[in-house]
Structure formats: C-alpha cells, structure tokens
C-alpha atoms as a PDB file:
ATOM      1  CA  MET A   1     115.953 124.399 105.899  1.00  0.00           C
ATOM      2  CA  GLU A   2     113.086 122.789 107.735  1.00  0.00           C
ATOM      3  CA  PRO A   3     113.835 122.172 111.431  1.00  0.00           C
ATOM      4  CA  ILE A   4     113.954 118.596 112.699  1.00  0.00           C
ATOM      5  CA  ARG A   5     112.916 118.125 116.314  1.00  0.00           C
ATOM      6  CA  LYS A   6     110.943 114.896 116.322  1.00  0.00           C
ATOM      7  CA  HIS A   7     110.334 112.939 113.137  1.00  0.00           C
ATOM      8  CA  GLU A   8     108.017 109.957 112.838  1.00  0.00           C
ATOM      9  CA  GLY A   9     108.267 108.081 109.568  1.00  0.00           C
ATOM     10  CA  LEU A  10     108.145 104.873 107.598  1.00  0.00           C
ATOM     11  CA  VAL A  11     111.444 102.972 107.609  1.00  0.00           C
ATOM     12  CA  TYR A  12     113.152 101.841 104.409  1.00  0.00           C
ATOM     13  CA  PRO A  13     115.706  99.065 105.109  1.00  0.00           C
ATOM     14  CA  LEU A  14     118.743  98.992 102.815  1.00  0.00           C
ATOM     15  CA  ASN A  15     120.648  96.015 104.148  1.00  0.00           C
ATOM     16  CA  ARG A  16     123.993  96.872 102.547  1.00  0.00           C
ATOM     17  CA  SER A  17     127.300  98.258 103.734  1.00  0.00           C
ATOM     18  CA  ASN A  18     129.780 100.587 102.018  1.00  0.00           C
ATOM     19  CA  ILE A  19     127.128 102.400  99.992  1.00  0.00           C
ATOM     20  CA  ASP A  20     129.129 105.045  98.190  1.00  0.00           C
ATOM     21  CA  THR A  21     127.995 108.383  96.843  1.00  0.00           C
ATOM     22  CA  ASP A  22     128.166 107.178  93.221  1.00  0.00           C
ATOM     23  CA  GLN A  23     125.593 104.518  94.093  1.00  0.00           C
ATOM     24  CA  ILE A  24     123.457 107.120  95.873  1.00  0.00           C
ATOM     25  CA  ILE A  25     123.551 109.513  92.887  1.00  0.00           C
ATOM     26  CA  PRO A  26     125.517 108.370  89.821  1.00  0.00           C
ATOM     27  CA  LYS A  27     127.911 110.869  88.237  1.00  0.00           C
ATOM     28  CA  GLN A  28     125.953 111.270  84.984  1.00  0.00           C
ATOM     29  CA  PHE A  29     123.184 113.084  86.902  1.00  0.00           C
ATOM     30  CA  LEU A  30     125.374 115.791  88.463  1.00  0.00           C
ATOM     31  CA  LYS A  31     124.737 118.369  85.741  1.00  0.00           C
ATOM     32  CA  ARG A  32     121.953 120.317  87.469  1.00  0.00           C
ATOM     33  CA  ILE A  33     122.807 123.638  89.037  1.00  0.00           C
ATOM     34  CA  SER A  34     120.100 123.646  91.723  1.00  0.00           C
ATOM     35  CA  ARG A  35     119.615 121.265  94.650  1.00  0.00           C
ATOM     36  CA  GLN A  36     116.198 120.116  93.461  1.00  0.00           C
ATOM     37  CA  GLY A  37     115.331 117.312  91.090  1.00  0.00           C
ATOM     38  CA  PHE A  38     117.932 114.747  92.116  1.00  0.00           C
ATOM     39  CA  GLY A  39     115.476 112.443  93.915  1.00  0.00           C
ATOM     40  CA  GLU A  40     114.313 110.779  90.728  1.00  0.00           C
ATOM     41  CA  PHE A  41     117.899 109.581  90.158  1.00  0.00           C
ATOM     42  CA  LEU A  42     118.494 108.269  93.701  1.00  0.00           C
ATOM     43  CA  PHE A  43     120.073 104.778  93.614  1.00  0.00           C
ATOM     44  CA  TYR A  44     119.445 104.924  89.861  1.00  0.00           C
ATOM     45  CA  ASN A  45     121.544 101.907  88.861  1.00  0.00           C
ATOM     46  CA  TRP A  46     119.818  99.792  91.504  1.00  0.00           C
ATOM     47  CA  ARG A  47     116.284 101.120  90.950  1.00  0.00           C
ATOM     48  CA  PHE A  48     116.212 101.038  87.148  1.00  0.00           C
ATOM     49  CA  ASP A  49     117.289  98.673  84.364  1.00  0.00           C
ATOM     50  CA  SER A  50     119.237  99.655  81.229  1.00  0.00           C
ATOM     51  CA  LYS A  51     116.004 100.862  79.584  1.00  0.00           C
ATOM     52  CA  GLY A  52     115.108 103.112  82.523  1.00  0.00           C
ATOM     53  CA  GLU A  53     112.328 100.820  83.742  1.00  0.00           C
ATOM     54  CA  PRO A  54     111.906 100.181  87.499  1.00  0.00           C
ATOM     55  CA  ARG A  55     113.544  96.939  88.610  1.00  0.00           C
ATOM     56  CA  SER A  56     111.201  94.542  90.365  1.00  0.00           C
ATOM     57  CA  ASP A  57     114.053  93.147  92.482  1.00  0.00           C
ATOM     58  CA  PHE A  58     115.054  96.394  94.213  1.00  0.00           C
ATOM     59  CA  SER A  59     113.045  96.970  97.367  1.00  0.00           C
ATOM     60  CA  LEU A  60     112.759 100.766  97.167  1.00  0.00           C
ATOM     61  CA  ASN A  61     110.445 100.136  94.213  1.00  0.00           C
ATOM     62  CA  PHE A  62     108.100  98.030  96.371  1.00  0.00           C
ATOM     63  CA  PRO A  63     104.745  99.763  97.049  1.00  0.00           C
ATOM     64  CA  LYS A  64     105.057  99.101 100.805  1.00  0.00           C
ATOM     65  CA  TYR A  65     107.897 101.655 100.962  1.00  0.00           C
ATOM     66  CA  ASN A  66     106.010 104.462  99.237  1.00  0.00           C
ATOM     67  CA  GLY A  67     106.309 107.593 101.346  1.00  0.00           C
ATOM     68  CA  THR A  68     109.296 106.353 103.312  1.00  0.00           C
ATOM     69  CA  SER A  69     111.293 109.071 105.088  1.00  0.00           C
ATOM     70  CA  ILE A  70     113.785 107.144 107.256  1.00  0.00           C
ATOM     71  CA  LEU A  71     116.538 105.072 105.630  1.00  0.00           C
ATOM     72  CA  VAL A  72     118.354 102.409 107.661  1.00  0.00           C
ATOM     73  CA  ALA A  73     121.563 100.919 106.253  1.00  0.00           C
ATOM     74  CA  GLY A  74     124.784  99.172 107.234  1.00  0.00           C
ATOM     75  CA  ASP A  75     128.190 100.588 108.022  1.00  0.00           C
ATOM     76  CA  ASN A  76     130.251 103.173 106.110  1.00  0.00           C
ATOM     77  CA  PHE A  77     127.230 104.831 104.507  1.00  0.00           C
ATOM     78  CA  GLY A  78     128.115 107.641 102.090  1.00  0.00           C
ATOM     79  CA  CYS A  79     131.711 106.628 101.421  1.00  0.00           C
ATOM     80  CA  GLY A  80     133.479 107.490  98.168  1.00  0.00           C
ATOM     81  CA  SER A  81     133.523 110.966  96.690  1.00  0.00           C
ATOM     82  CA  SER A  82     132.603 114.077  98.633  1.00  0.00           C
ATOM     83  CA  ARG A  83     129.716 115.058  96.329  1.00  0.00           C
ATOM     84  CA  GLU A  84     127.083 117.082  98.145  1.00  0.00           C
ATOM     85  CA  HIS A  85     124.592 115.847  95.549  1.00  0.00           C
ATOM     86  CA  ALA A  86     124.205 112.618  97.564  1.00  0.00           C
ATOM     87  CA  PRO A  87     122.324 114.204 100.480  1.00  0.00           C
ATOM     88  CA  TRP A  88     120.488 116.435  97.980  1.00  0.00           C
ATOM     89  CA  ALA A  89     119.198 113.301  96.194  1.00  0.00           C
ATOM     90  CA  LEU A  90     118.201 111.586  99.448  1.00  0.00           C
ATOM     91  CA  GLN A  91     116.395 114.674 100.679  1.00  0.00           C
ATOM     92  CA  ASP A  92     114.697 115.370  97.357  1.00  0.00           C
ATOM     93  CA  TYR A  93     113.416 111.785  97.348  1.00  0.00           C
ATOM     94  CA  GLY A  94     111.882 112.355 100.792  1.00  0.00           C
ATOM     95  CA  PHE A  95     114.388 111.046 103.333  1.00  0.00           C
ATOM     96  CA  ARG A  96     114.744 113.219 106.447  1.00  0.00           C
ATOM     97  CA  VAL A  97     116.738 110.750 108.574  1.00  0.00           C
ATOM     98  CA  ILE A  98     119.519 108.289 107.698  1.00  0.00           C
ATOM     99  CA  ILE A  99     120.381 105.658 110.320  1.00  0.00           C
ATOM    100  CA  ALA A 100     123.546 103.582 109.954  1.00  0.00           C
ATOM    101  CA  SER A 101     126.186 101.938 112.101  1.00  0.00           C
ATOM    102  CA  SER A 102     128.804 104.330 110.671  1.00  0.00           C
ATOM    103  CA  PHE A 103     129.078 107.133 108.119  1.00  0.00           C
ATOM    104  CA  ALA A 104     131.805 108.563 105.927  1.00  0.00           C
ATOM    105  CA  ASP A 105     132.861 111.843 107.582  1.00  0.00           C
ATOM    106  CA  ILE A 106     132.275 114.178 104.634  1.00  0.00           C
ATOM    107  CA  PHE A 107     128.878 112.652 103.866  1.00  0.00           C
ATOM    108  CA  TYR A 108     127.881 112.943 107.542  1.00  0.00           C
ATOM    109  CA  ASN A 109     128.732 116.647 107.590  1.00  0.00           C
ATOM    110  CA  ASN A 110     127.041 117.243 104.231  1.00  0.00           C
ATOM    111  CA  CYS A 111     123.848 115.727 105.678  1.00  0.00           C
ATOM    112  CA  THR A 112     123.771 118.061 108.664  1.00  0.00           C
ATOM    113  CA  LYS A 113     124.479 121.063 106.408  1.00  0.00           C
ATOM    114  CA  ASN A 114     121.533 120.145 104.196  1.00  0.00           C
ATOM    115  CA  GLY A 115     118.840 119.313 106.753  1.00  0.00           C
ATOM    116  CA  ILE A 116     119.178 115.522 106.958  1.00  0.00           C
ATOM    117  CA  LEU A 117     119.662 113.961 110.388  1.00  0.00           C
ATOM    118  CA  PRO A 118     122.361 111.230 110.369  1.00  0.00           C
ATOM    119  CA  VAL A 119     121.921 108.858 113.312  1.00  0.00           C
ATOM    120  CA  GLN A 120     124.578 106.351 114.304  1.00  0.00           C
ATOM    121  CA  LEU A 121     123.415 103.222 116.151  1.00  0.00           C
ATOM    122  CA  THR A 122     125.091  99.898 116.920  1.00  0.00           C
ATOM    123  CA  GLU A 123     125.155  97.066 114.395  1.00  0.00           C
ATOM    124  CA  ASP A 124     122.751  95.036 116.572  1.00  0.00           C
ATOM    125  CA  GLN A 125     120.292  97.940 116.705  1.00  0.00           C
ATOM    126  CA  ILE A 126     120.571  98.411 112.937  1.00  0.00           C
ATOM    127  CA  SER A 127     119.871  94.696 112.399  1.00  0.00           C
ATOM    128  CA  GLU A 128     116.775  94.903 114.563  1.00  0.00           C
ATOM    129  CA  LEU A 129     115.411  97.903 112.656  1.00  0.00           C
ATOM    130  CA  ILE A 130     116.141  96.294 109.280  1.00  0.00           C
ATOM    131  CA  ASP A 131     114.480  93.023 110.306  1.00  0.00           C
ATOM    132  CA  GLN A 132     111.342  94.855 111.432  1.00  0.00           C
ATOM    133  CA  ALA A 133     111.164  97.003 108.292  1.00  0.00           C
ATOM    134  CA  GLU A 134     111.696  94.046 105.955  1.00  0.00           C
ATOM    135  CA  ALA A 135     108.973  92.020 107.685  1.00  0.00           C
ATOM    136  CA  LYS A 136     106.230  94.649 107.729  1.00  0.00           C
ATOM    137  CA  SER A 137     105.339  98.300 107.291  1.00  0.00           C
ATOM    138  CA  TYR A 138     107.381  99.738 110.127  1.00  0.00           C
ATOM    139  CA  THR A 139     107.274 103.240 111.583  1.00  0.00           C
ATOM    140  CA  ILE A 140     109.680 104.687 114.129  1.00  0.00           C
ATOM    141  CA  THR A 141     110.185 108.024 115.841  1.00  0.00           C
ATOM    142  CA  VAL A 142     113.496 109.864 115.818  1.00  0.00           C
ATOM    143  CA  ASP A 143     113.582 112.455 118.588  1.00  0.00           C
ATOM    144  CA  LEU A 144     116.496 114.852 118.098  1.00  0.00           C
ATOM    145  CA  GLU A 145     115.651 116.938 121.163  1.00  0.00           C
ATOM    146  CA  ASN A 146     116.119 113.906 123.431  1.00  0.00           C
ATOM    147  CA  LYS A 147     118.479 111.998 121.108  1.00  0.00           C
ATOM    148  CA  ARG A 148     116.348 108.843 120.992  1.00  0.00           C
ATOM    149  CA  VAL A 149     115.038 106.433 118.373  1.00  0.00           C
ATOM    150  CA  TYR A 150     112.023 104.367 119.356  1.00  0.00           C
ATOM    151  CA  ASP A 151     108.938 102.532 118.114  1.00  0.00           C
ATOM    152  CA  ASN A 152     105.581 101.691 119.676  1.00  0.00           C
ATOM    153  CA  HIS A 153     106.817  98.319 120.905  1.00  0.00           C
ATOM    154  CA  ASN A 154     110.153  97.488 122.521  1.00  0.00           C
ATOM    155  CA  PHE A 155     112.772  99.340 120.502  1.00  0.00           C
ATOM    156  CA  ASP A 156     114.397 102.304 122.253  1.00  0.00           C
ATOM    157  CA  ALA A 157     117.929 103.509 121.542  1.00  0.00           C
ATOM    158  CA  SER A 158     119.896 106.646 122.272  1.00  0.00           C
ATOM    159  CA  PHE A 159     122.305 108.367 119.910  1.00  0.00           C
ATOM    160  CA  ASP A 160     124.693 111.280 120.011  1.00  0.00           C
ATOM    161  CA  LEU A 161     125.224 114.243 117.720  1.00  0.00           C
ATOM    162  CA  PRO A 162     127.701 117.098 118.168  1.00  0.00           C
ATOM    163  CA  ASN A 163     126.021 120.174 119.674  1.00  0.00           C
ATOM    164  CA  TYR A 164     126.802 122.429 116.709  1.00  0.00           C
ATOM    165  CA  GLN A 165     125.120 120.079 114.181  1.00  0.00           C
ATOM    166  CA  ARG A 166     122.284 119.373 116.596  1.00  0.00           C
ATOM    167  CA  GLU A 167     121.516 123.095 116.974  1.00  0.00           C
ATOM    168  CA  MET A 168     121.639 123.569 113.203  1.00  0.00           C
ATOM    169  CA  LEU A 169     119.110 120.786 112.623  1.00  0.00           C
ATOM    170  CA  LEU A 170     116.838 121.717 115.537  1.00  0.00           C
ATOM    171  CA  ASN A 171     116.605 125.276 114.227  1.00  0.00           C
ATOM    172  CA  GLY A 172     116.645 124.537 110.505  1.00  0.00           C
ATOM    173  CA  TRP A 173     119.832 126.564 110.021  1.00  0.00           C
ATOM    174  CA  ASP A 174     122.440 126.210 107.323  1.00  0.00           C
ATOM    175  CA  GLU A 175     125.845 127.815 107.860  1.00  0.00           C
ATOM    176  CA  ILE A 176     124.690 131.161 106.460  1.00  0.00           C
ATOM    177  CA  ALA A 177     121.785 131.183 108.913  1.00  0.00           C
ATOM    178  CA  VAL A 178     124.210 130.417 111.753  1.00  0.00           C
ATOM    179  CA  THR A 179     126.314 133.409 110.704  1.00  0.00           C
ATOM    180  CA  LEU A 180     123.209 135.595 110.606  1.00  0.00           C
ATOM    181  CA  THR A 181     122.495 134.805 114.268  1.00  0.00           C
ATOM    182  CA  HIS A 182     125.351 137.286 114.844  1.00  0.00           C
ATOM    183  CA  LYS A 183     123.819 139.943 112.589  1.00  0.00           C
ATOM    184  CA  ASN A 184     123.757 142.623 115.291  1.00  0.00           C
ATOM    185  CA  LYS A 185     127.463 142.172 115.974  1.00  0.00           C
ATOM    186  CA  ILE A 186     128.242 142.151 112.267  1.00  0.00           C
ATOM    187  CA  ASP A 187     126.220 145.338 111.713  1.00  0.00           C
ATOM    188  CA  LYS A 188     127.915 147.028 114.670  1.00  0.00           C
ATOM    189  CA  PHE A 189     131.340 146.063 113.350  1.00  0.00           C
ATOM    190  CA  GLU A 190     130.478 147.434 109.915  1.00  0.00           C
ATOM    191  CA  GLU A 191     129.214 150.708 111.387  1.00  0.00           C
ATOM    192  CA  GLU A 192     132.325 151.192 113.523  1.00  0.00           C
ATOM    193  CA  ARG A 193     134.804 150.087 110.912  1.00  0.00           C
ATOM    194  CA  GLU A 194     137.042 152.816 109.575  1.00  0.00           C
ATOM    195  CA  PHE A 195     137.668 152.901 105.880  1.00  0.00           C
ATOM    196  CA  SER A 196     140.994 154.241 104.724  1.00  0.00           C
END
C-alpha cells in the first residue's frame, strides 16, 4: 500500500448520512476476484440511470469534482454489510481519505487495512467542510503525522486514530507487512524449531 503521511486534495461533499456499503458498491458488481476495477461502479445507482448513462443530478458527475481524493459525508458512513469491496471501490475511484462524523466499525477497519484514511470529525466541522466544498472548488490538507485537517483559511481540526492503524497507514503496511516486520524473529523461530 502507498503510505499516507500528509495528503492534500480536492474535497467531494456527499451530504448524506447512513450511506451503506450496497450504495457504495452494489452487490451485482462483486464478481471480480481482484481489488482493481471497482471504481467505475462506485455509487453506481446514484451516478447512473437505468441505461447506464451518467445522471446530471448527482454531484460526483459534476466536472468541478474531477480528480477529487477526499470524500466528506455525514454520520454512520459505511454501514450495512461487511463487504471489503466498498473501500476497494472508493480507493480505485481515487479517494485516499474519507471524513465523516461517524463510521460503521467494520467499514472503518476495512479502510485502514486497505490504505484509506478514515477521519472522524464533529458534525459542525463536517457541515463546514461540506458547505465550503459545495460552494466552490475546495482543497484541504489531511496531516496524519500530526492528526490535523486544515485549509488555507480558517479551518483547523484535530482527529484521533488508534496507534496500530496510524502506523499501518503511515508506513503503507497491510497486515501481512506488519507481520513481516518480525521476519527476523520468525526466521529464528523456524531455525530453532524441532521437528518430530
């Protein structure tokens, strides 16, 4: 995975709560066996009509959000099923950071295991970010090293992340990579192990 230390990006505001994983990546697109290629189906039922044409009334299709990499949404983001395909779709689309007032636990952990930084802020802070991003092209910086979210004006907020997940994201480690940080001990154990 690619490490995340400090990420500056364009904000996409999704002013909705209780966005479940079937809305993030509908079940009919879960047939792939690799993690790539899910981005084109992200929010499919909101982004496209019944003929597969982009909907003009869904803001992610607006040109001003092309190249967005930070998604800001309401509470309970990622609820519903535990499908890991949801963070895969968000990441494949280009999102590196998801900011919400709360997350479903399994989705939150799936994000950190797949290189997406989930940031929890207060509802007032979320409202401020959404208002700014709806009004104009809005860029913010998410600094994982110092656990801050800020812009070039007056917005500055702190957030928390458990140390284990923070270290994984800062170093670009998945759980296998974390295990391999103990490779010398594993090798020594294997060498000393007696086989019967």
